[in-house]
Amino acid sequence: MRKRIYTCFPEGKTLAFTCSYDDGKIMDHRFVKILNRYGIKATFHLNSDYFDVSEGHQYPYIKKSEVKSLYQGHEIACHSCSHITMTRGNSVQNINEIIDNRIALENICDTLVTGYSYPNGCYDQTSKEILRSCGIKYARTTKSIYKFELPQDFLEWHPTCHHNEDIFAFLDKFLGIHHAERLNVFYLWGHSYEFERDQTWNQIETFFQKATGHNNVWYVTNGELQAYIEASRRLIFYADQSKVYNPSAICVYISNGERIYQVASGQTIQLD
C-alpha cells in the first residue's frame, strides 16, 4: 500500500493558532499582557505616522519609544504609514506608504518586517502587486471565512473570524479536530481598542484561557506561519519519494503516517 507523505507543523502538529491586531492603540499594552500570560503569539500591524498621536482620536496611539519593548516576543507588521485605503490611492502614494512604513518599523525594532494588513479591508490585484514589489510576503484581509484553511495566496489571507464573532463555538470546533487530513489554522483578528469600547476584556481573557496550553497546537505569529508554509512548499522530493531535500533556511516537519521526520535546513534525508 502506498504511504502518504504529508507536511506537518513543528513536532508533527496539525493545528496552529495565530492572532492579528491592527492600528497600535494604547490598549495594546493591556492586550499584550493578556497574550503573554497565556503564551499566545500575535502579529501587530502598525501605522508608523501615528506613533505618539492622541489629538483628534478617541483612543491614543502607542508611543514610538515603547514599540520595541511592548511587542517583544510577538511580531510587528505594516498597516501603511497613515492607514491609507489602497484602492483609492495612486500607485506612487501606495508604494511610499508601504516602503516608509517598513523602513520606520524595521529601524525602530531592528527586525525584518514583511507582513501587512489591508487598511479598511480594501485591496485589489494592483494592491497585491504593489505589496509584492515592496517586499511584503503576506497580507491579511478583513473577510472572515469561518474555517481553518491556509491560503493559496498569502497576499490574500482571510482570517477565521473577528473576536466579536462566535469565537467560543469556533474554538470548540477547532480543538475538536483529531484526525486531520489537512493542516488547520485558527486565525483571529481585531483591534485591541474594541475590548475597551465594548467592555469585553473578560471575554477575550476567558477565550485565551481555553485556547492555550494544548500540546497539539502550534502557537505562532502570522509571519512565522507564512515562512514555515512557504518553506514546506519548497521541499524537493525524489521521484520515488525515498528522499527529500530542504533548500530553505527553515526546518520543516513531514510525516508518512507512522513517523515524523524533521528535515533541517539544507538537509537531504532518507524516508522509510
C-alpha atoms as a PDB file:
ATOM      1  CA  MET A   1       0.000   0.000   0.000  1.00  0.00           C
ATOM      2  CA  ARG A   2       1.241   3.482  -0.829  1.00  0.00           C
ATOM      3  CA  LYS A   3       2.129   5.704   2.114  1.00  0.00           C
ATOM      4  CA  ARG A   4       1.035   9.298   2.041  1.00  0.00           C
ATOM      5  CA  ILE A   5       3.716  11.826   2.946  1.00  0.00           C
ATOM      6  CA  TYR A   6       2.198  14.969   4.451  1.00  0.00           C
ATOM      7  CA  THR A   7       3.546  18.267   5.709  1.00  0.00           C
ATOM      8  CA  CYS A   8       3.172  18.863   9.444  1.00  0.00           C
ATOM      9  CA  PHE A   9       3.636  21.836  11.689  1.00  0.00           C
ATOM     10  CA  PRO A  10       6.651  21.655  14.061  1.00  0.00           C
ATOM     11  CA  GLU A  11       6.885  18.456  16.111  1.00  0.00           C
ATOM     12  CA  GLY A  12       4.291  16.805  13.891  1.00  0.00           C
ATOM     13  CA  LYS A  13       1.389  19.023  14.959  1.00  0.00           C
ATOM     14  CA  THR A  14      -1.514  19.649  12.598  1.00  0.00           C
ATOM     15  CA  LEU A  15      -3.161  22.598  14.374  1.00  0.00           C
ATOM     16  CA  ALA A  16      -1.899  26.201  14.610  1.00  0.00           C
ATOM     17  CA  PHE A  17      -3.270  29.273  16.364  1.00  0.00           C
ATOM     18  CA  THR A  18      -2.395  32.847  15.393  1.00  0.00           C
ATOM     19  CA  CYS A  19      -3.713  36.365  16.046  1.00  0.00           C
ATOM     20  CA  SER A  20      -3.589  39.598  14.046  1.00  0.00           C
ATOM     21  CA  TYR A  21      -4.327  43.026  15.576  1.00  0.00           C
ATOM     22  CA  ASP A  22      -4.339  46.423  13.906  1.00  0.00           C
ATOM     23  CA  ASP A  23      -3.593  50.115  14.489  1.00  0.00           C
ATOM     24  CA  GLY A  24      -1.369  50.170  17.587  1.00  0.00           C
ATOM     25  CA  LYS A  25      -3.625  51.955  20.083  1.00  0.00           C
ATOM     26  CA  ILE A  26      -2.669  52.202  23.764  1.00  0.00           C
ATOM     27  CA  MET A  27      -4.945  49.252  24.617  1.00  0.00           C
ATOM     28  CA  ASP A  28      -2.229  47.066  23.122  1.00  0.00           C
ATOM     29  CA  HIS A  29      -0.438  47.385  26.492  1.00  0.00           C
ATOM     30  CA  ARG A  30      -3.192  45.533  28.318  1.00  0.00           C
ATOM     31  CA  PHE A  31      -3.751  43.137  25.434  1.00  0.00           C
ATOM     32  CA  VAL A  32      -0.084  42.118  25.204  1.00  0.00           C
ATOM     33  CA  LYS A  33      -0.057  41.366  28.935  1.00  0.00           C
ATOM     34  CA  ILE A  34      -3.003  39.004  28.435  1.00  0.00           C
ATOM     35  CA  LEU A  35      -1.347  37.327  25.463  1.00  0.00           C
ATOM     36  CA  ASN A  36       1.881  36.844  27.394  1.00  0.00           C
ATOM     37  CA  ARG A  37       0.021  35.456  30.397  1.00  0.00           C
ATOM     38  CA  TYR A  38      -1.336  32.611  28.280  1.00  0.00           C
ATOM     39  CA  GLY A  39       1.562  32.088  25.889  1.00  0.00           C
ATOM     40  CA  ILE A  40      -0.356  33.268  22.837  1.00  0.00           C
ATOM     41  CA  LYS A  41       1.587  34.883  19.991  1.00  0.00           C
ATOM     42  CA  ALA A  42       0.207  37.714  17.864  1.00  0.00           C
ATOM     43  CA  THR A  43       1.121  39.982  14.981  1.00  0.00           C
ATOM     44  CA  PHE A  44       0.546  43.720  15.397  1.00  0.00           C
ATOM     45  CA  HIS A  45       0.013  45.832  12.288  1.00  0.00           C
ATOM     46  CA  LEU A  46       1.141  49.380  12.994  1.00  0.00           C
ATOM     47  CA  ASN A  47       0.722  52.825  11.391  1.00  0.00           C
ATOM     48  CA  SER A  48       4.097  54.497  11.922  1.00  0.00           C
ATOM     49  CA  ASP A  49       2.855  58.050  11.197  1.00  0.00           C
ATOM     50  CA  TYR A  50       0.538  57.846  14.217  1.00  0.00           C
ATOM     51  CA  PHE A  51       3.030  56.944  16.922  1.00  0.00           C
ATOM     52  CA  ASP A  52       2.662  59.424  19.840  1.00  0.00           C
ATOM     53  CA  VAL A  53      -0.578  60.838  18.360  1.00  0.00           C
ATOM     54  CA  SER A  54      -3.650  61.374  20.536  1.00  0.00           C
ATOM     55  CA  GLU A  55      -5.293  64.587  19.374  1.00  0.00           C
ATOM     56  CA  GLY A  56      -8.325  64.025  17.180  1.00  0.00           C
ATOM     57  CA  HIS A  57      -8.638  60.345  18.066  1.00  0.00           C
ATOM     58  CA  GLN A  58     -10.911  58.676  20.595  1.00  0.00           C
ATOM     59  CA  TYR A  59      -8.081  56.448  21.749  1.00  0.00           C
ATOM     60  CA  PRO A  60      -4.408  57.496  21.668  1.00  0.00           C
ATOM     61  CA  TYR A  61      -1.765  55.609  19.749  1.00  0.00           C
ATOM     62  CA  ILE A  62       1.241  53.998  21.418  1.00  0.00           C
ATOM     63  CA  LYS A  63       4.495  55.908  21.700  1.00  0.00           C
ATOM     64  CA  LYS A  64       7.327  55.307  19.274  1.00  0.00           C
ATOM     65  CA  SER A  65       9.742  54.865  22.184  1.00  0.00           C
ATOM     66  CA  GLU A  66       7.809  51.880  23.561  1.00  0.00           C
ATOM     67  CA  VAL A  67       7.221  49.911  20.355  1.00  0.00           C
ATOM     68  CA  LYS A  68      10.274  47.634  20.591  1.00  0.00           C
ATOM     69  CA  SER A  69       9.783  46.649  24.214  1.00  0.00           C
ATOM     70  CA  LEU A  70       5.986  46.400  24.078  1.00  0.00           C
ATOM     71  CA  TYR A  71       5.854  43.872  21.252  1.00  0.00           C
ATOM     72  CA  GLN A  72       8.848  41.785  22.283  1.00  0.00           C
ATOM     73  CA  GLY A  73       8.076  38.128  21.673  1.00  0.00           C
ATOM     74  CA  HIS A  74       5.421  39.000  19.110  1.00  0.00           C
ATOM     75  CA  GLU A  75       5.624  40.247  15.511  1.00  0.00           C
ATOM     76  CA  ILE A  76       5.258  43.755  14.150  1.00  0.00           C
ATOM     77  CA  ALA A  77       3.959  44.276  10.622  1.00  0.00           C
ATOM     78  CA  CYS A  78       2.873  47.055   8.283  1.00  0.00           C
ATOM     79  CA  HIS A  79      -0.533  48.705   8.057  1.00  0.00           C
ATOM     80  CA  SER A  80       0.679  51.608   5.856  1.00  0.00           C
ATOM     81  CA  CYS A  81       2.088  54.796   7.399  1.00  0.00           C
ATOM     82  CA  SER A  82      -1.245  56.591   7.698  1.00  0.00           C
ATOM     83  CA  HIS A  83      -3.917  53.875   7.323  1.00  0.00           C
ATOM     84  CA  ILE A  84      -4.405  54.607   3.633  1.00  0.00           C
ATOM     85  CA  THR A  85      -7.171  52.952   1.611  1.00  0.00           C
ATOM     86  CA  MET A  86      -5.064  51.410  -1.138  1.00  0.00           C
ATOM     87  CA  THR A  87      -7.845  51.065  -3.707  1.00  0.00           C
ATOM     88  CA  ARG A  88      -8.409  54.845  -3.647  1.00  0.00           C
ATOM     89  CA  GLY A  89      -4.752  55.875  -3.645  1.00  0.00           C
ATOM     90  CA  ASN A  90      -2.450  56.072  -6.637  1.00  0.00           C
ATOM     91  CA  SER A  91       0.425  53.633  -7.053  1.00  0.00           C
ATOM     92  CA  VAL A  92       3.192  56.094  -6.153  1.00  0.00           C
ATOM     93  CA  GLN A  93       1.399  57.074  -2.950  1.00  0.00           C
ATOM     94  CA  ASN A  94       0.745  53.451  -2.022  1.00  0.00           C
ATOM     95  CA  ILE A  95       4.353  52.436  -2.618  1.00  0.00           C
ATOM     96  CA  ASN A  96       5.629  55.303  -0.462  1.00  0.00           C
ATOM     97  CA  GLU A  97       3.181  54.450   2.313  1.00  0.00           C
ATOM     98  CA  ILE A  98       4.312  50.837   2.419  1.00  0.00           C
ATOM     99  CA  ILE A  99       8.045  51.327   1.968  1.00  0.00           C
ATOM    100  CA  ASP A 100       8.200  54.172   4.503  1.00  0.00           C
ATOM    101  CA  ASN A 101       6.145  52.099   6.944  1.00  0.00           C
ATOM    102  CA  ARG A 102       8.570  49.180   6.554  1.00  0.00           C
ATOM    103  CA  ILE A 103      11.611  51.417   6.983  1.00  0.00           C
ATOM    104  CA  ALA A 104      10.207  53.038  10.119  1.00  0.00           C
ATOM    105  CA  LEU A 105       9.275  49.752  11.795  1.00  0.00           C
ATOM    106  CA  GLU A 106      12.491  47.990  10.831  1.00  0.00           C
ATOM    107  CA  ASN A 107      14.583  50.865  12.164  1.00  0.00           C
ATOM    108  CA  ILE A 108      12.645  51.029  15.423  1.00  0.00           C
ATOM    109  CA  CYS A 109      12.782  47.307  16.185  1.00  0.00           C
ATOM    110  CA  ASP A 110      15.873  46.264  14.224  1.00  0.00           C
ATOM    111  CA  THR A 111      13.986  43.376  12.651  1.00  0.00           C
ATOM    112  CA  LEU A 112      12.821  42.408   9.197  1.00  0.00           C
ATOM    113  CA  VAL A 113       9.192  43.423   8.533  1.00  0.00           C
ATOM    114  CA  THR A 114       7.410  41.529   5.744  1.00  0.00           C
ATOM    115  CA  GLY A 115       3.765  41.426   6.859  1.00  0.00           C
ATOM    116  CA  TYR A 116       0.786  43.680   6.128  1.00  0.00           C
ATOM    117  CA  SER A 117      -2.919  44.032   6.767  1.00  0.00           C
ATOM    118  CA  TYR A 118      -5.142  45.972   4.387  1.00  0.00           C
ATOM    119  CA  PRO A 119      -6.425  49.207   5.985  1.00  0.00           C
ATOM    120  CA  ASN A 120     -10.234  49.264   5.886  1.00  0.00           C
ATOM    121  CA  GLY A 121     -10.056  45.787   4.339  1.00  0.00           C
ATOM    122  CA  CYS A 122      -9.680  47.292   0.854  1.00  0.00           C
ATOM    123  CA  TYR A 123      -7.481  45.639  -1.777  1.00  0.00           C
ATOM    124  CA  ASP A 124      -7.422  44.552  -5.405  1.00  0.00           C
ATOM    125  CA  GLN A 125      -4.998  42.843  -7.745  1.00  0.00           C
ATOM    126  CA  THR A 126      -2.955  46.028  -8.153  1.00  0.00           C
ATOM    127  CA  SER A 127      -2.656  46.318  -4.362  1.00  0.00           C
ATOM    128  CA  LYS A 128      -1.234  42.812  -4.193  1.00  0.00           C
ATOM    129  CA  GLU A 129       1.264  43.541  -6.950  1.00  0.00           C
ATOM    130  CA  ILE A 130       2.425  46.689  -5.129  1.00  0.00           C
ATOM    131  CA  LEU A 131       2.870  44.771  -1.876  1.00  0.00           C
ATOM    132  CA  ARG A 132       4.869  42.091  -3.637  1.00  0.00           C
ATOM    133  CA  SER A 133       7.154  44.695  -5.222  1.00  0.00           C
ATOM    134  CA  CYS A 134       7.690  46.270  -1.781  1.00  0.00           C
ATOM    135  CA  GLY A 135       8.889  43.004  -0.253  1.00  0.00           C
ATOM    136  CA  ILE A 136       5.678  42.145   1.605  1.00  0.00           C
ATOM    137  CA  LYS A 137       5.220  38.377   1.934  1.00  0.00           C
ATOM    138  CA  TYR A 138       1.693  38.177   3.340  1.00  0.00           C
ATOM    139  CA  ALA A 139      -1.316  40.443   3.827  1.00  0.00           C
ATOM    140  CA  ARG A 140      -4.431  39.884   5.925  1.00  0.00           C
ATOM    141  CA  THR A 141      -7.897  40.855   4.750  1.00  0.00           C
ATOM    142  CA  THR A 142     -10.936  41.528   6.954  1.00  0.00           C
ATOM    143  CA  LYS A 143     -13.068  38.796   5.382  1.00  0.00           C
ATOM    144  CA  SER A 144     -13.891  36.094   7.926  1.00  0.00           C
ATOM    145  CA  ILE A 145     -14.167  32.654   6.333  1.00  0.00           C
ATOM    146  CA  TYR A 146     -15.244  30.744   9.492  1.00  0.00           C
ATOM    147  CA  LYS A 147     -12.847  27.977   8.517  1.00  0.00           C
ATOM    148  CA  PHE A 148      -9.324  26.925   9.456  1.00  0.00           C
ATOM    149  CA  GLU A 149      -7.802  26.890   5.992  1.00  0.00           C
ATOM    150  CA  LEU A 150      -4.379  28.049   4.881  1.00  0.00           C
ATOM    151  CA  PRO A 151      -4.369  30.487   1.960  1.00  0.00           C
ATOM    152  CA  GLN A 152      -3.193  29.580  -1.505  1.00  0.00           C
ATOM    153  CA  ASP A 153      -2.131  33.225  -1.863  1.00  0.00           C
ATOM    154  CA  PHE A 154      -0.624  34.734   1.289  1.00  0.00           C
ATOM    155  CA  LEU A 155      -1.233  38.245  -0.088  1.00  0.00           C
ATOM    156  CA  GLU A 156      -4.943  37.489   0.261  1.00  0.00           C
ATOM    157  CA  TRP A 157      -5.014  35.808   3.657  1.00  0.00           C
ATOM    158  CA  HIS A 158      -8.541  35.588   5.054  1.00  0.00           C
ATOM    159  CA  PRO A 159      -8.846  35.112   8.836  1.00  0.00           C
ATOM    160  CA  THR A 160     -11.084  32.599  10.552  1.00  0.00           C
ATOM    161  CA  CYS A 161     -13.086  35.256  12.382  1.00  0.00           C
ATOM    162  CA  HIS A 162     -13.109  38.567  14.230  1.00  0.00           C
ATOM    163  CA  HIS A 163     -13.101  38.375  18.021  1.00  0.00           C
ATOM    164  CA  ASN A 164     -16.640  39.821  18.160  1.00  0.00           C
ATOM    165  CA  GLU A 165     -17.987  36.795  16.314  1.00  0.00           C
ATOM    166  CA  ASP A 166     -18.805  33.383  17.794  1.00  0.00           C
ATOM    167  CA  ILE A 167     -15.226  32.669  18.861  1.00  0.00           C
ATOM    168  CA  PHE A 168     -16.007  30.056  21.515  1.00  0.00           C
ATOM    169  CA  ALA A 169     -18.015  27.897  19.115  1.00  0.00           C
ATOM    170  CA  PHE A 170     -15.239  28.128  16.519  1.00  0.00           C
ATOM    171  CA  LEU A 171     -12.639  27.258  19.147  1.00  0.00           C
ATOM    172  CA  ASP A 172     -14.573  24.167  20.241  1.00  0.00           C
ATOM    173  CA  LYS A 173     -14.736  23.041  16.618  1.00  0.00           C
ATOM    174  CA  PHE A 174     -11.029  23.736  16.128  1.00  0.00           C
ATOM    175  CA  LEU A 175      -9.893  21.897  19.252  1.00  0.00           C
ATOM    176  CA  GLY A 176     -12.178  19.005  18.337  1.00  0.00           C
ATOM    177  CA  ILE A 177     -10.149  18.202  15.216  1.00  0.00           C
ATOM    178  CA  HIS A 178      -8.285  14.973  15.985  1.00  0.00           C
ATOM    179  CA  HIS A 179      -7.824  13.204  12.658  1.00  0.00           C
ATOM    180  CA  ALA A 180      -6.736  15.972  10.347  1.00  0.00           C
ATOM    181  CA  GLU A 181      -6.365  15.280   6.647  1.00  0.00           C
ATOM    182  CA  ARG A 182      -5.039  18.821   6.232  1.00  0.00           C
ATOM    183  CA  LEU A 183      -3.294  21.461   8.300  1.00  0.00           C
ATOM    184  CA  ASN A 184      -5.696  23.643  10.285  1.00  0.00           C
ATOM    185  CA  VAL A 185      -5.175  27.242  11.438  1.00  0.00           C
ATOM    186  CA  PHE A 186      -7.388  29.261  13.758  1.00  0.00           C
ATOM    187  CA  TYR A 187      -6.717  32.861  12.700  1.00  0.00           C
ATOM    188  CA  LEU A 188      -8.234  35.519  14.983  1.00  0.00           C
ATOM    189  CA  TRP A 189      -8.188  39.236  14.161  1.00  0.00           C
ATOM    190  CA  GLY A 190      -9.402  42.568  15.508  1.00  0.00           C
ATOM    191  CA  HIS A 191      -8.354  45.793  17.246  1.00  0.00           C
ATOM    192  CA  SER A 192      -7.442  45.930  20.923  1.00  0.00           C
ATOM    193  CA  TYR A 193      -9.381  49.172  21.427  1.00  0.00           C
ATOM    194  CA  GLU A 194     -12.558  47.202  20.708  1.00  0.00           C
ATOM    195  CA  PHE A 195     -12.127  45.399  24.038  1.00  0.00           C
ATOM    196  CA  GLU A 196     -12.220  48.770  25.789  1.00  0.00           C
ATOM    197  CA  ARG A 197     -15.037  50.157  23.654  1.00  0.00           C
ATOM    198  CA  ASP A 198     -17.210  47.055  24.059  1.00  0.00           C
ATOM    199  CA  GLN A 199     -16.002  46.149  27.569  1.00  0.00           C
ATOM    200  CA  THR A 200     -15.107  42.617  26.510  1.00  0.00           C
ATOM    201  CA  TRP A 201     -11.719  42.268  28.212  1.00  0.00           C
ATOM    202  CA  ASN A 202     -13.010  39.417  30.397  1.00  0.00           C
ATOM    203  CA  GLN A 203     -14.378  37.605  27.366  1.00  0.00           C
ATOM    204  CA  ILE A 204     -11.125  37.630  25.432  1.00  0.00           C
ATOM    205  CA  GLU A 205      -9.163  36.553  28.503  1.00  0.00           C
ATOM    206  CA  THR A 206     -11.538  33.642  29.063  1.00  0.00           C
ATOM    207  CA  PHE A 207     -11.158  32.738  25.408  1.00  0.00           C
ATOM    208  CA  PHE A 208      -7.361  32.634  25.631  1.00  0.00           C
ATOM    209  CA  GLN A 209      -7.565  30.596  28.836  1.00  0.00           C
ATOM    210  CA  LYS A 210      -9.456  27.993  26.844  1.00  0.00           C
ATOM    211  CA  ALA A 211      -7.287  28.286  23.736  1.00  0.00           C
ATOM    212  CA  THR A 212      -3.891  27.930  25.396  1.00  0.00           C
ATOM    213  CA  GLY A 213      -1.842  25.005  26.615  1.00  0.00           C
ATOM    214  CA  HIS A 214      -2.849  22.354  24.090  1.00  0.00           C
ATOM    215  CA  ASN A 215       0.086  20.126  23.183  1.00  0.00           C
ATOM    216  CA  ASN A 216      -1.233  19.527  19.676  1.00  0.00           C
ATOM    217  CA  VAL A 217      -1.438  23.255  18.823  1.00  0.00           C
ATOM    218  CA  TRP A 218       1.389  25.418  17.479  1.00  0.00           C
ATOM    219  CA  TYR A 219       1.071  28.985  18.842  1.00  0.00           C
ATOM    220  CA  VAL A 220       2.671  31.198  16.244  1.00  0.00           C
ATOM    221  CA  THR A 221       2.834  34.673  14.696  1.00  0.00           C
ATOM    222  CA  ASN A 222       1.480  35.358  11.206  1.00  0.00           C
ATOM    223  CA  GLY A 223       4.978  35.755   9.802  1.00  0.00           C
ATOM    224  CA  GLU A 224       6.331  32.576  11.367  1.00  0.00           C
ATOM    225  CA  LEU A 225       3.403  30.629   9.941  1.00  0.00           C
ATOM    226  CA  GLN A 226       3.764  32.118   6.459  1.00  0.00           C
ATOM    227  CA  ALA A 227       7.515  31.491   6.374  1.00  0.00           C
ATOM    228  CA  TYR A 228       7.062  27.896   7.525  1.00  0.00           C
ATOM    229  CA  ILE A 229       4.417  27.091   4.916  1.00  0.00           C
ATOM    230  CA  GLU A 230       6.471  28.682   2.161  1.00  0.00           C
ATOM    231  CA  ALA A 231       9.456  26.572   3.260  1.00  0.00           C
ATOM    232  CA  SER A 232       7.323  23.424   3.254  1.00  0.00           C
ATOM    233  CA  ARG A 233       6.165  24.190  -0.278  1.00  0.00           C
ATOM    234  CA  ARG A 234       9.806  24.346  -1.387  1.00  0.00           C
ATOM    235  CA  LEU A 235      10.675  20.803  -0.285  1.00  0.00           C
ATOM    236  CA  ILE A 236      12.027  18.732  -3.180  1.00  0.00           C
ATOM    237  CA  PHE A 237      11.177  15.024  -3.147  1.00  0.00           C
ATOM    238  CA  TYR A 238      12.941  12.302  -5.097  1.00  0.00           C
ATOM    239  CA  ALA A 239      10.633  10.843  -7.735  1.00  0.00           C
ATOM    240  CA  ASP A 240      10.215   7.601  -5.780  1.00  0.00           C
ATOM    241  CA  GLN A 241       9.808   9.568  -2.505  1.00  0.00           C
ATOM    242  CA  SER A 242      12.761   7.755  -0.976  1.00  0.00           C
ATOM    243  CA  LYS A 243      14.447  11.037  -0.029  1.00  0.00           C
ATOM    244  CA  VAL A 244      13.589  14.707   0.421  1.00  0.00           C
ATOM    245  CA  TYR A 245      15.723  17.840   0.222  1.00  0.00           C
ATOM    246  CA  ASN A 246      15.027  21.090   2.092  1.00  0.00           C
ATOM    247  CA  PRO A 247      16.585  24.073   0.245  1.00  0.00           C
ATOM    248  CA  SER A 248      15.172  26.676   2.651  1.00  0.00           C
ATOM    249  CA  ALA A 249      16.586  28.150   5.880  1.00  0.00           C
ATOM    250  CA  ILE A 250      13.712  26.779   7.998  1.00  0.00           C
ATOM    251  CA  CYS A 251      13.415  23.284   9.448  1.00  0.00           C
ATOM    252  CA  VAL A 252      10.296  21.531   8.130  1.00  0.00           C
ATOM    253  CA  TYR A 253       8.425  18.522   9.539  1.00  0.00           C
ATOM    254  CA  ILE A 254       6.734  15.832   7.454  1.00  0.00           C
ATOM    255  CA  SER A 255       5.013  12.534   8.239  1.00  0.00           C
ATOM    256  CA  ASN A 256       4.386   9.257   6.457  1.00  0.00           C
ATOM    257  CA  GLY A 257       1.600   8.339   8.869  1.00  0.00           C
ATOM    258  CA  GLU A 258       3.819   6.271  11.143  1.00  0.00           C
ATOM    259  CA  ARG A 259       6.799   8.513  11.721  1.00  0.00           C
ATOM    260  CA  ILE A 260       7.517  12.240  11.979  1.00  0.00           C
ATOM    261  CA  TYR A 261      10.571  13.433  10.054  1.00  0.00           C
ATOM    262  CA  GLN A 262      12.489  16.617  10.788  1.00  0.00           C
ATOM    263  CA  VAL A 263      14.065  17.987   7.611  1.00  0.00           C
ATOM    264  CA  ALA A 264      16.649  20.556   8.637  1.00  0.00           C
ATOM    265  CA  SER A 265      17.784  23.488   6.511  1.00  0.00           C
ATOM    266  CA  GLY A 266      19.909  22.333   3.576  1.00  0.00           C
ATOM    267  CA  GLN A 267      19.472  18.679   4.509  1.00  0.00           C
ATOM    268  CA  THR A 268      18.576  15.663   2.416  1.00  0.00           C
ATOM    269  CA  ILE A 269      17.096  12.801   4.446  1.00  0.00           C
ATOM    270  CA  GLN A 270      16.143   9.207   3.750  1.00  0.00           C
ATOM    271  CA  LEU A 271      12.471   8.303   4.136  1.00  0.00           C
ATOM    272  CA  ASP A 272      11.291   4.828   5.152  1.00  0.00           C
END
